[in-house]
Amino acid sequence: MQQQDVKVQKQDVDWSAVQAWPGSAESLAAVQNLLDRNKLIISEIDANHESQTNECLERNEELIRELNSNINQVVSLYQDLSQTAAKASNGDSVEVETQTSQ
């Protein structure tokens, strides 16, 4: 099965839904920043793996730790968004907690 790239155009996104919950736009921006960073990390890991030098493989160890940390942050941000959305859909008041990436 062939993987296809799916690109979302700005006009295809319903931004009113994103703005409905306090802090959601900031959280989604933080998630996107982490995902963009992860893409760069994965590219560097791949290049280092192909070179097979001790220095590059040691660098990969550090990069994999950062990647793991970023993934945990993305999961946490999505959990917060999910809780915020659930509260908002129940009509509960929503307090915003923002996280900062490292």
PDB file of N, CA and C in Angstrom:
ATOM      1  N   MET A   1       0.839  -1.185   0.000  1.00  0.00           N
ATOM      2  CA  MET A   1       0.000   0.000   0.000  1.00  0.00           C
ATOM      3  C   MET A   1       0.880   1.242   0.000  1.00  0.00           C
ATOM      4  N   GLN A   2       0.594   2.170  -0.850  1.00  0.00           N
ATOM      5  CA  GLN A   2       1.399   3.358  -0.998  1.00  0.00           C
ATOM      6  C   GLN A   2       0.883   4.468  -0.081  1.00  0.00           C
ATOM      7  N   GLN A   3       1.814   5.127   0.603  1.00  0.00           N
ATOM      8  CA  GLN A   3       1.444   6.228   1.483  1.00  0.00           C
ATOM      9  C   GLN A   3       1.289   7.484   0.649  1.00  0.00           C
ATOM     10  N   GLN A   4       0.230   8.245   0.920  1.00  0.00           N
ATOM     11  CA  GLN A   4       0.002   9.479   0.197  1.00  0.00           C
ATOM     12  C   GLN A   4       0.120  10.650   1.157  1.00  0.00           C
ATOM     13  N   ASP A   5       0.723  11.730   0.691  1.00  0.00           N
ATOM     14  CA  ASP A   5       0.804  12.945   1.487  1.00  0.00           C
ATOM     15  C   ASP A   5      -0.509  13.696   1.361  1.00  0.00           C
ATOM     16  N   VAL A   6      -1.031  14.117   2.491  1.00  0.00           N
ATOM     17  CA  VAL A   6      -2.258  14.898   2.500  1.00  0.00           C
ATOM     18  C   VAL A   6      -1.908  16.286   3.003  1.00  0.00           C
ATOM     19  N   LYS A   7      -2.163  17.275   2.184  1.00  0.00           N
ATOM     20  CA  LYS A   7      -1.880  18.648   2.574  1.00  0.00           C
ATOM     21  C   LYS A   7      -3.200  19.371   2.795  1.00  0.00           C
ATOM     22  N   VAL A   8      -3.287  20.032   3.935  1.00  0.00           N
ATOM     23  CA  VAL A   8      -4.488  20.785   4.265  1.00  0.00           C
ATOM     24  C   VAL A   8      -4.227  22.249   3.952  1.00  0.00           C
ATOM     25  N   GLN A   9      -5.065  22.810   3.157  1.00  0.00           N
ATOM     26  CA  GLN A   9      -4.947  24.221   2.835  1.00  0.00           C
ATOM     27  C   GLN A   9      -5.605  25.033   3.947  1.00  0.00           C
ATOM     28  N   LYS A  10      -5.135  26.251   4.151  1.00  0.00           N
ATOM     29  CA  LYS A  10      -5.685  27.102   5.200  1.00  0.00           C
ATOM     30  C   LYS A  10      -7.207  27.223   5.090  1.00  0.00           C
ATOM     31  N   GLN A  11      -7.711  27.369   3.892  1.00  0.00           N
ATOM     32  CA  GLN A  11      -9.139  27.559   3.715  1.00  0.00           C
ATOM     33  C   GLN A  11      -9.944  26.290   4.016  1.00  0.00           C
ATOM     34  N   ASP A  12      -9.290  25.119   4.105  1.00  0.00           N
ATOM     35  CA  ASP A  12      -9.977  23.869   4.394  1.00  0.00           C
ATOM     36  C   ASP A  12     -10.223  23.662   5.885  1.00  0.00           C
ATOM     37  N   VAL A  13      -9.610  24.472   6.731  1.00  0.00           N
ATOM     38  CA  VAL A  13      -9.708  24.297   8.174  1.00  0.00           C
ATOM     39  C   VAL A  13     -10.781  25.212   8.730  1.00  0.00           C
ATOM     40  N   ASP A  14     -11.650  24.650   9.576  1.00  0.00           N
ATOM     41  CA  ASP A  14     -12.683  25.450  10.235  1.00  0.00           C
ATOM     42  C   ASP A  14     -12.079  26.060  11.498  1.00  0.00           C
ATOM     43  N   TRP A  15     -11.499  27.248  11.362  1.00  0.00           N
ATOM     44  CA  TRP A  15     -10.804  27.884  12.480  1.00  0.00           C
ATOM     45  C   TRP A  15     -11.759  28.348  13.561  1.00  0.00           C
ATOM     46  N   SER A  16     -13.047  28.475  13.274  1.00  0.00           N
ATOM     47  CA  SER A  16     -13.994  28.876  14.319  1.00  0.00           C
ATOM     48  C   SER A  16     -14.067  27.826  15.413  1.00  0.00           C
ATOM     49  N   ALA A  17     -13.911  26.555  15.052  1.00  0.00           N
ATOM     50  CA  ALA A  17     -13.909  25.493  16.056  1.00  0.00           C
ATOM     51  C   ALA A  17     -12.678  25.590  16.936  1.00  0.00           C
ATOM     52  N   VAL A  18     -11.562  25.954  16.355  1.00  0.00           N
ATOM     53  CA  VAL A  18     -10.317  26.088  17.115  1.00  0.00           C
ATOM     54  C   VAL A  18     -10.433  27.236  18.111  1.00  0.00           C
ATOM     55  N   GLN A  19     -11.097  28.312  17.724  1.00  0.00           N
ATOM     56  CA  GLN A  19     -11.213  29.480  18.580  1.00  0.00           C
ATOM     57  C   GLN A  19     -12.312  29.332  19.619  1.00  0.00           C
ATOM     58  N   ALA A  20     -13.096  28.277  19.543  1.00  0.00           N
ATOM     59  CA  ALA A  20     -14.227  28.097  20.460  1.00  0.00           C
ATOM     60  C   ALA A  20     -13.782  27.827  21.885  1.00  0.00           C
ATOM     61  N   TRP A  21     -12.634  27.230  22.071  1.00  0.00           N
ATOM     62  CA  TRP A  21     -12.156  26.886  23.410  1.00  0.00           C
ATOM     63  C   TRP A  21     -10.966  27.758  23.764  1.00  0.00           C
ATOM     64  N   PRO A  22     -11.010  28.360  24.931  1.00  0.00           N
ATOM     65  CA  PRO A  22      -9.883  29.201  25.344  1.00  0.00           C
ATOM     66  C   PRO A  22      -8.573  28.411  25.372  1.00  0.00           C
ATOM     67  N   GLY A  23      -7.552  28.998  24.804  1.00  0.00           N
ATOM     68  CA  GLY A  23      -6.230  28.372  24.820  1.00  0.00           C
ATOM     69  C   GLY A  23      -6.004  27.323  23.752  1.00  0.00           C
ATOM     70  N   SER A  24      -7.042  26.974  23.005  1.00  0.00           N
ATOM     71  CA  SER A  24      -6.877  25.899  22.027  1.00  0.00           C
ATOM     72  C   SER A  24      -5.937  26.287  20.891  1.00  0.00           C
ATOM     73  N   ALA A  25      -6.016  27.519  20.434  1.00  0.00           N
ATOM     74  CA  ALA A  25      -5.148  27.947  19.336  1.00  0.00           C
ATOM     75  C   ALA A  25      -3.683  27.899  19.768  1.00  0.00           C
ATOM     76  N   GLU A  26      -3.419  28.345  21.006  1.00  0.00           N
ATOM     77  CA  GLU A  26      -2.045  28.312  21.515  1.00  0.00           C
ATOM     78  C   GLU A  26      -1.561  26.877  21.670  1.00  0.00           C
ATOM     79  N   SER A  27      -2.428  26.012  22.172  1.00  0.00           N
ATOM     80  CA  SER A  27      -2.044  24.605  22.345  1.00  0.00           C
ATOM     81  C   SER A  27      -1.774  23.942  21.005  1.00  0.00           C
ATOM     82  N   LEU A  28      -2.618  24.205  20.030  1.00  0.00           N
ATOM     83  CA  LEU A  28      -2.407  23.613  18.708  1.00  0.00           C
ATOM     84  C   LEU A  28      -1.146  24.163  18.050  1.00  0.00           C
ATOM     85  N   ALA A  29      -0.843  25.424  18.280  1.00  0.00           N
ATOM     86  CA  ALA A  29       0.400  26.000  17.750  1.00  0.00           C
ATOM     87  C   ALA A  29       1.607  25.339  18.410  1.00  0.00           C
ATOM     88  N   ALA A  30       1.511  25.091  19.715  1.00  0.00           N
ATOM     89  CA  ALA A  30       2.603  24.412  20.423  1.00  0.00           C
ATOM     90  C   ALA A  30       2.782  22.996  19.895  1.00  0.00           C
ATOM     91  N   VAL A  31       1.676  22.313  19.641  1.00  0.00           N
ATOM     92  CA  VAL A  31       1.737  20.957  19.084  1.00  0.00           C
ATOM     93  C   VAL A  31       2.416  21.000  17.717  1.00  0.00           C
ATOM     94  N   GLN A  32       2.013  21.949  16.874  1.00  0.00           N
ATOM     95  CA  GLN A  32       2.599  22.037  15.533  1.00  0.00           C
ATOM     96  C   GLN A  32       4.089  22.324  15.607  1.00  0.00           C
ATOM     97  N   ASN A  33       4.498  23.199  16.519  1.00  0.00           N
ATOM     98  CA  ASN A  33       5.933  23.483  16.685  1.00  0.00           C
ATOM     99  C   ASN A  33       6.703  22.236  17.089  1.00  0.00           C
ATOM    100  N   LEU A  34       6.148  21.462  18.014  1.00  0.00           N
ATOM    101  CA  LEU A  34       6.797  20.222  18.444  1.00  0.00           C
ATOM    102  C   LEU A  34       6.869  19.214  17.297  1.00  0.00           C
ATOM    103  N   LEU A  35       5.799  19.096  16.528  1.00  0.00           N
ATOM    104  CA  LEU A  35       5.793  18.161  15.404  1.00  0.00           C
ATOM    105  C   LEU A  35       6.796  18.579  14.325  1.00  0.00           C
ATOM    106  N   ASP A  36       6.896  19.887  14.085  1.00  0.00           N
ATOM    107  CA  ASP A  36       7.882  20.384  13.123  1.00  0.00           C
ATOM    108  C   ASP A  36       9.302  20.075  13.598  1.00  0.00           C
ATOM    109  N   ARG A  37       9.546  20.280  14.891  1.00  0.00           N
ATOM    110  CA  ARG A  37      10.860  19.965  15.460  1.00  0.00           C
ATOM    111  C   ARG A  37      11.142  18.467  15.342  1.00  0.00           C
ATOM    112  N   ASN A  38      10.126  17.642  15.632  1.00  0.00           N
ATOM    113  CA  ASN A  38      10.300  16.190  15.535  1.00  0.00           C
ATOM    114  C   ASN A  38      10.669  15.764  14.120  1.00  0.00           C
ATOM    115  N   LYS A  39      10.091  16.425  13.141  1.00  0.00           N
ATOM    116  CA  LYS A  39      10.411  16.102  11.748  1.00  0.00           C
ATOM    117  C   LYS A  39      11.897  16.345  11.471  1.00  0.00           C
ATOM    118  N   LEU A  40      12.422  17.453  11.985  1.00  0.00           N
ATOM    119  CA  LEU A  40      13.845  17.756  11.820  1.00  0.00           C
ATOM    120  C   LEU A  40      14.714  16.755  12.569  1.00  0.00           C
ATOM    121  N   ILE A  41      14.288  16.399  13.778  1.00  0.00           N
ATOM    122  CA  ILE A  41      15.038  15.430  14.584  1.00  0.00           C
ATOM    123  C   ILE A  41      15.109  14.088  13.859  1.00  0.00           C
ATOM    124  N   ILE A  42      13.989  13.637  13.341  1.00  0.00           N
ATOM    125  CA  ILE A  42      13.937  12.345  12.655  1.00  0.00           C
ATOM    126  C   ILE A  42      14.842  12.350  11.427  1.00  0.00           C
ATOM    127  N   SER A  43      14.869  13.458  10.703  1.00  0.00           N
ATOM    128  CA  SER A  43      15.765  13.562   9.541  1.00  0.00           C
ATOM    129  C   SER A  43      17.226  13.465   9.960  1.00  0.00           C
ATOM    130  N   GLU A  44      17.555  14.136  11.067  1.00  0.00           N
ATOM    131  CA  GLU A  44      18.939  14.084  11.543  1.00  0.00           C
ATOM    132  C   GLU A  44      19.287  12.679  12.045  1.00  0.00           C
ATOM    133  N   ILE A  45      18.356  12.037  12.743  1.00  0.00           N
ATOM    134  CA  ILE A  45      18.583  10.664  13.219  1.00  0.00           C
ATOM    135  C   ILE A  45      18.854   9.741  12.036  1.00  0.00           C
ATOM    136  N   ASP A  46      18.073   9.884  10.977  1.00  0.00           N
ATOM    137  CA  ASP A  46      18.229   9.051   9.789  1.00  0.00           C
ATOM    138  C   ASP A  46      19.599   9.264   9.150  1.00  0.00           C
ATOM    139  N   ALA A  47      19.986  10.533   9.011  1.00  0.00           N
ATOM    140  CA  ALA A  47      21.300  10.830   8.410  1.00  0.00           C
ATOM    141  C   ALA A  47      22.427  10.283   9.284  1.00  0.00           C
ATOM    142  N   ASN A  48      22.294  10.443  10.597  1.00  0.00           N
ATOM    143  CA  ASN A  48      23.317   9.928  11.512  1.00  0.00           C
ATOM    144  C   ASN A  48      23.401   8.409  11.455  1.00  0.00           C
ATOM    145  N   HIS A  49      22.266   7.766  11.345  1.00  0.00           N
ATOM    146  CA  HIS A  49      22.235   6.309  11.294  1.00  0.00           C
ATOM    147  C   HIS A  49      22.954   5.793  10.043  1.00  0.00           C
ATOM    148  N   GLU A  50      22.742   6.484   8.940  1.00  0.00           N
ATOM    149  CA  GLU A  50      23.383   6.073   7.692  1.00  0.00           C
ATOM    150  C   GLU A  50      24.899   6.241   7.747  1.00  0.00           C
ATOM    151  N   SER A  51      25.386   7.232   8.493  1.00  0.00           N
ATOM    152  CA  SER A  51      26.832   7.466   8.550  1.00  0.00           C
ATOM    153  C   SER A  51      27.551   6.427   9.413  1.00  0.00           C
ATOM    154  N   GLN A  52      26.880   5.899  10.407  1.00  0.00           N
ATOM    155  CA  GLN A  52      27.406   4.820  11.265  1.00  0.00           C
ATOM    156  C   GLN A  52      28.695   5.172  12.004  1.00  0.00           C
ATOM    157  N   THR A  53      28.975   6.473  12.214  1.00  0.00           N
ATOM    158  CA  THR A  53      30.145   6.824  13.013  1.00  0.00           C
ATOM    159  C   THR A  53      29.743   6.845  14.486  1.00  0.00           C
ATOM    160  N   ASN A  54      30.714   6.613  15.353  1.00  0.00           N
ATOM    161  CA  ASN A  54      30.420   6.617  16.789  1.00  0.00           C
ATOM    162  C   ASN A  54      29.830   7.948  17.235  1.00  0.00           C
ATOM    163  N   GLU A  55      30.398   9.031  16.743  1.00  0.00           N
ATOM    164  CA  GLU A  55      29.920  10.364  17.111  1.00  0.00           C
ATOM    165  C   GLU A  55      28.451  10.550  16.721  1.00  0.00           C
ATOM    166  N   CYS A  56      28.096  10.146  15.515  1.00  0.00           N
ATOM    167  CA  CYS A  56      26.719  10.298  15.031  1.00  0.00           C
ATOM    168  C   CYS A  56      25.754   9.395  15.794  1.00  0.00           C
ATOM    169  N   LEU A  57      26.190   8.198  16.088  1.00  0.00           N
ATOM    170  CA  LEU A  57      25.320   7.280  16.826  1.00  0.00           C
ATOM    171  C   LEU A  57      25.108   7.763  18.263  1.00  0.00           C
ATOM    172  N   GLU A  58      26.151   8.363  18.857  1.00  0.00           N
ATOM    173  CA  GLU A  58      25.998   8.953  20.189  1.00  0.00           C
ATOM    174  C   GLU A  58      25.050  10.146  20.136  1.00  0.00           C
ATOM    175  N   ARG A  59      25.143  10.937  19.086  1.00  0.00           N
ATOM    176  CA  ARG A  59      24.238  12.078  18.902  1.00  0.00           C
ATOM    177  C   ARG A  59      22.798  11.588  18.781  1.00  0.00           C
ATOM    178  N   ASN A  60      22.607  10.458  18.116  1.00  0.00           N
ATOM    179  CA  ASN A  60      21.261   9.899  17.978  1.00  0.00           C
ATOM    180  C   ASN A  60      20.634   9.582  19.326  1.00  0.00           C
ATOM    181  N   GLU A  61      21.457   9.147  20.258  1.00  0.00           N
ATOM    182  CA  GLU A  61      20.956   8.850  21.599  1.00  0.00           C
ATOM    183  C   GLU A  61      20.311  10.101  22.210  1.00  0.00           C
ATOM    184  N   GLU A  62      20.989  11.222  22.082  1.00  0.00           N
ATOM    185  CA  GLU A  62      20.476  12.498  22.581  1.00  0.00           C
ATOM    186  C   GLU A  62      19.215  12.918  21.825  1.00  0.00           C
ATOM    187  N   LEU A  63      19.247  12.755  20.511  1.00  0.00           N
ATOM    188  CA  LEU A  63      18.103  13.141  19.686  1.00  0.00           C
ATOM    189  C   LEU A  63      16.869  12.296  19.992  1.00  0.00           C
ATOM    190  N   ILE A  64      17.076  11.018  20.229  1.00  0.00           N
ATOM    191  CA  ILE A  64      15.949  10.137  20.537  1.00  0.00           C
ATOM    192  C   ILE A  64      15.325  10.520  21.868  1.00  0.00           C
ATOM    193  N   ARG A  65      16.144  10.926  22.823  1.00  0.00           N
ATOM    194  CA  ARG A  65      15.600  11.402  24.108  1.00  0.00           C
ATOM    195  C   ARG A  65      14.742  12.650  23.903  1.00  0.00           C
ATOM    196  N   GLU A  66      15.239  13.580  23.082  1.00  0.00           N
ATOM    197  CA  GLU A  66      14.475  14.801  22.803  1.00  0.00           C
ATOM    198  C   GLU A  66      13.177  14.465  22.077  1.00  0.00           C
ATOM    199  N   LEU A  67      13.255  13.566  21.108  1.00  0.00           N
ATOM    200  CA  LEU A  67      12.068  13.140  20.372  1.00  0.00           C
ATOM    201  C   LEU A  67      11.035  12.544  21.311  1.00  0.00           C
ATOM    202  N   ASN A  68      11.474  11.685  22.214  1.00  0.00           N
ATOM    203  CA  ASN A  68      10.574  11.065  23.180  1.00  0.00           C
ATOM    204  C   ASN A  68       9.923  12.122  24.074  1.00  0.00           C
ATOM    205  N   SER A  69      10.704  13.073  24.534  1.00  0.00           N
ATOM    206  CA  SER A  69      10.180  14.155  25.370  1.00  0.00           C
ATOM    207  C   SER A  69       9.134  14.972  24.604  1.00  0.00           C
ATOM    208  N   ASN A  70       9.438  15.284  23.348  1.00  0.00           N
ATOM    209  CA  ASN A  70       8.493  16.044  22.526  1.00  0.00           C
ATOM    210  C   ASN A  70       7.190  15.283  22.321  1.00  0.00           C
ATOM    211  N   ILE A  71       7.282  13.996  22.097  1.00  0.00           N
ATOM    212  CA  ILE A  71       6.079  13.181  21.908  1.00  0.00           C
ATOM    213  C   ILE A  71       5.236  13.201  23.178  1.00  0.00           C
ATOM    214  N   ASN A  72       5.888  13.082  24.336  1.00  0.00           N
ATOM    215  CA  ASN A  72       5.158  13.151  25.608  1.00  0.00           C
ATOM    216  C   ASN A  72       4.463  14.497  25.776  1.00  0.00           C
ATOM    217  N   GLN A  73       5.126  15.571  25.363  1.00  0.00           N
ATOM    218  CA  GLN A  73       4.515  16.897  25.442  1.00  0.00           C
ATOM    219  C   GLN A  73       3.306  17.012  24.518  1.00  0.00           C
ATOM    220  N   VAL A  74       3.408  16.451  23.310  1.00  0.00           N
ATOM    221  CA  VAL A  74       2.283  16.473  22.372  1.00  0.00           C
ATOM    222  C   VAL A  74       1.101  15.709  22.959  1.00  0.00           C
ATOM    223  N   VAL A  75       1.353  14.546  23.526  1.00  0.00           N
ATOM    224  CA  VAL A  75       0.291  13.752  24.149  1.00  0.00           C
ATOM    225  C   VAL A  75      -0.378  14.558  25.254  1.00  0.00           C
ATOM    226  N   SER A  76       0.422  15.203  26.089  1.00  0.00           N
ATOM    227  CA  SER A  76      -0.105  16.001  27.192  1.00  0.00           C
ATOM    228  C   SER A  76      -0.957  17.165  26.684  1.00  0.00           C
ATOM    229  N   LEU A  77      -0.474  17.836  25.651  1.00  0.00           N
ATOM    230  CA  LEU A  77      -1.240  18.948  25.076  1.00  0.00           C
ATOM    231  C   LEU A  77      -2.573  18.465  24.499  1.00  0.00           C
ATOM    232  N   TYR A  78      -2.556  17.332  23.812  1.00  0.00           N
ATOM    233  CA  TYR A  78      -3.803  16.790  23.275  1.00  0.00           C
ATOM    234  C   TYR A  78      -4.756  16.350  24.386  1.00  0.00           C
ATOM    235  N   GLN A  79      -4.218  15.815  25.474  1.00  0.00           N
ATOM    236  CA  GLN A  79      -5.068  15.452  26.611  1.00  0.00           C
ATOM    237  C   GLN A  79      -5.736  16.693  27.187  1.00  0.00           C
ATOM    238  N   ASP A  80      -4.954  17.760  27.349  1.00  0.00           N
ATOM    239  CA  ASP A  80      -5.513  19.016  27.854  1.00  0.00           C
ATOM    240  C   ASP A  80      -6.592  19.555  26.917  1.00  0.00           C
ATOM    241  N   LEU A  81      -6.331  19.505  25.615  1.00  0.00           N
ATOM    242  CA  LEU A  81      -7.327  19.963  24.637  1.00  0.00           C
ATOM    243  C   LEU A  81      -8.596  19.130  24.713  1.00  0.00           C
ATOM    244  N   SER A  82      -8.429  17.835  24.868  1.00  0.00           N
ATOM    245  CA  SER A  82      -9.579  16.947  24.965  1.00  0.00           C
ATOM    246  C   SER A  82     -10.422  17.274  26.195  1.00  0.00           C
ATOM    247  N   GLN A  83      -9.758  17.485  27.319  1.00  0.00           N
ATOM    248  CA  GLN A  83     -10.477  17.834  28.549  1.00  0.00           C
ATOM    249  C   GLN A  83     -11.177  19.179  28.408  1.00  0.00           C
ATOM    250  N   THR A  84     -10.504  20.132  27.793  1.00  0.00           N
ATOM    251  CA  THR A  84     -11.094  21.458  27.577  1.00  0.00           C
ATOM    252  C   THR A  84     -12.321  21.356  26.678  1.00  0.00           C
ATOM    253  N   ALA A  85     -12.201  20.565  25.612  1.00  0.00           N
ATOM    254  CA  ALA A  85     -13.326  20.396  24.687  1.00  0.00           C
ATOM    255  C   ALA A  85     -14.501  19.715  25.377  1.00  0.00           C
ATOM    256  N   ALA A  86     -14.218  18.717  26.199  1.00  0.00           N
ATOM    257  CA  ALA A  86     -15.287  18.010  26.916  1.00  0.00           C
ATOM    258  C   ALA A  86     -15.998  18.955  27.878  1.00  0.00           C
ATOM    259  N   LYS A  87     -15.225  19.762  28.593  1.00  0.00           N
ATOM    260  CA  LYS A  87     -15.830  20.720  29.526  1.00  0.00           C
ATOM    261  C   LYS A  87     -16.665  21.747  28.777  1.00  0.00           C
ATOM    262  N   ALA A  88     -16.130  22.246  27.673  1.00  0.00           N
ATOM    263  CA  ALA A  88     -16.842  23.253  26.891  1.00  0.00           C
ATOM    264  C   ALA A  88     -18.132  22.695  26.308  1.00  0.00           C
ATOM    265  N   SER A  89     -18.096  21.444  25.880  1.00  0.00           N
ATOM    266  CA  SER A  89     -19.302  20.857  25.287  1.00  0.00           C
ATOM    267  C   SER A  89     -20.365  20.567  26.340  1.00  0.00           C
ATOM    268  N   ASN A  90     -19.946  20.433  27.604  1.00  0.00           N
ATOM    269  CA  ASN A  90     -20.898  20.236  28.699  1.00  0.00           C
ATOM    270  C   ASN A  90     -21.366  21.555  29.295  1.00  0.00           C
ATOM    271  N   GLY A  91     -20.847  22.659  28.781  1.00  0.00           N
ATOM    272  CA  GLY A  91     -21.235  23.963  29.279  1.00  0.00           C
ATOM    273  C   GLY A  91     -20.500  24.367  30.546  1.00  0.00           C
ATOM    274  N   ASP A  92     -19.491  23.601  30.944  1.00  0.00           N
ATOM    275  CA  ASP A  92     -18.700  23.941  32.125  1.00  0.00           C
ATOM    276  C   ASP A  92     -17.775  25.107  31.797  1.00  0.00           C
ATOM    277  N   SER A  93     -17.384  25.841  32.832  1.00  0.00           N
ATOM    278  CA  SER A  93     -16.417  26.910  32.600  1.00  0.00           C
ATOM    279  C   SER A  93     -15.060  26.271  32.344  1.00  0.00           C
ATOM    280  N   VAL A  94     -14.301  26.916  31.514  1.00  0.00           N
ATOM    281  CA  VAL A  94     -13.025  26.368  31.097  1.00  0.00           C
ATOM    282  C   VAL A  94     -11.925  27.321  31.524  1.00  0.00           C
ATOM    283  N   GLU A  95     -10.954  26.797  32.292  1.00  0.00           N
ATOM    284  CA  GLU A  95      -9.782  27.574  32.652  1.00  0.00           C
ATOM    285  C   GLU A  95      -8.633  27.131  31.768  1.00  0.00           C
ATOM    286  N   VAL A  96      -7.838  28.079  31.356  1.00  0.00           N
ATOM    287  CA  VAL A  96      -6.763  27.791  30.422  1.00  0.00           C
ATOM    288  C   VAL A  96      -5.456  27.603  31.184  1.00  0.00           C
ATOM    289  N   GLU A  97      -4.793  26.470  30.903  1.00  0.00           N
ATOM    290  CA  GLU A  97      -3.434  26.225  31.384  1.00  0.00           C
ATOM    291  C   GLU A  97      -2.583  26.067  30.162  1.00  0.00           C
ATOM    292  N   THR A  98      -1.553  26.870  30.072  1.00  0.00           N
ATOM    293  CA  THR A  98      -0.676  26.766  28.912  1.00  0.00           C
ATOM    294  C   THR A  98       0.630  26.126  29.337  1.00  0.00           C
ATOM    295  N   GLN A  99       1.171  25.304  28.442  1.00  0.00           N
ATOM    296  CA  GLN A  99       2.463  24.680  28.665  1.00  0.00           C
ATOM    297  C   GLN A  99       3.446  25.294  27.710  1.00  0.00           C
ATOM    298  N   THR A 100       4.672  25.360  28.148  1.00  0.00           N
ATOM    299  CA  THR A 100       5.710  25.859  27.259  1.00  0.00           C
ATOM    300  C   THR A 100       6.631  24.716  26.905  1.00  0.00           C
ATOM    301  N   SER A 101       7.086  24.710  25.677  1.00  0.00           N
ATOM    302  CA  SER A 101       8.017  23.652  25.274  1.00  0.00           C
ATOM    303  C   SER A 101       9.412  24.049  25.684  1.00  0.00           C
ATOM    304  N   GLN A 102      10.269  23.042  25.784  1.00  0.00           N
ATOM    305  CA  GLN A 102      11.629  23.260  26.251  1.00  0.00           C
ATOM    306  C   GLN A 102      12.487  23.898  25.214  1.00  0.00           C
TER     307      GLN A 102
END
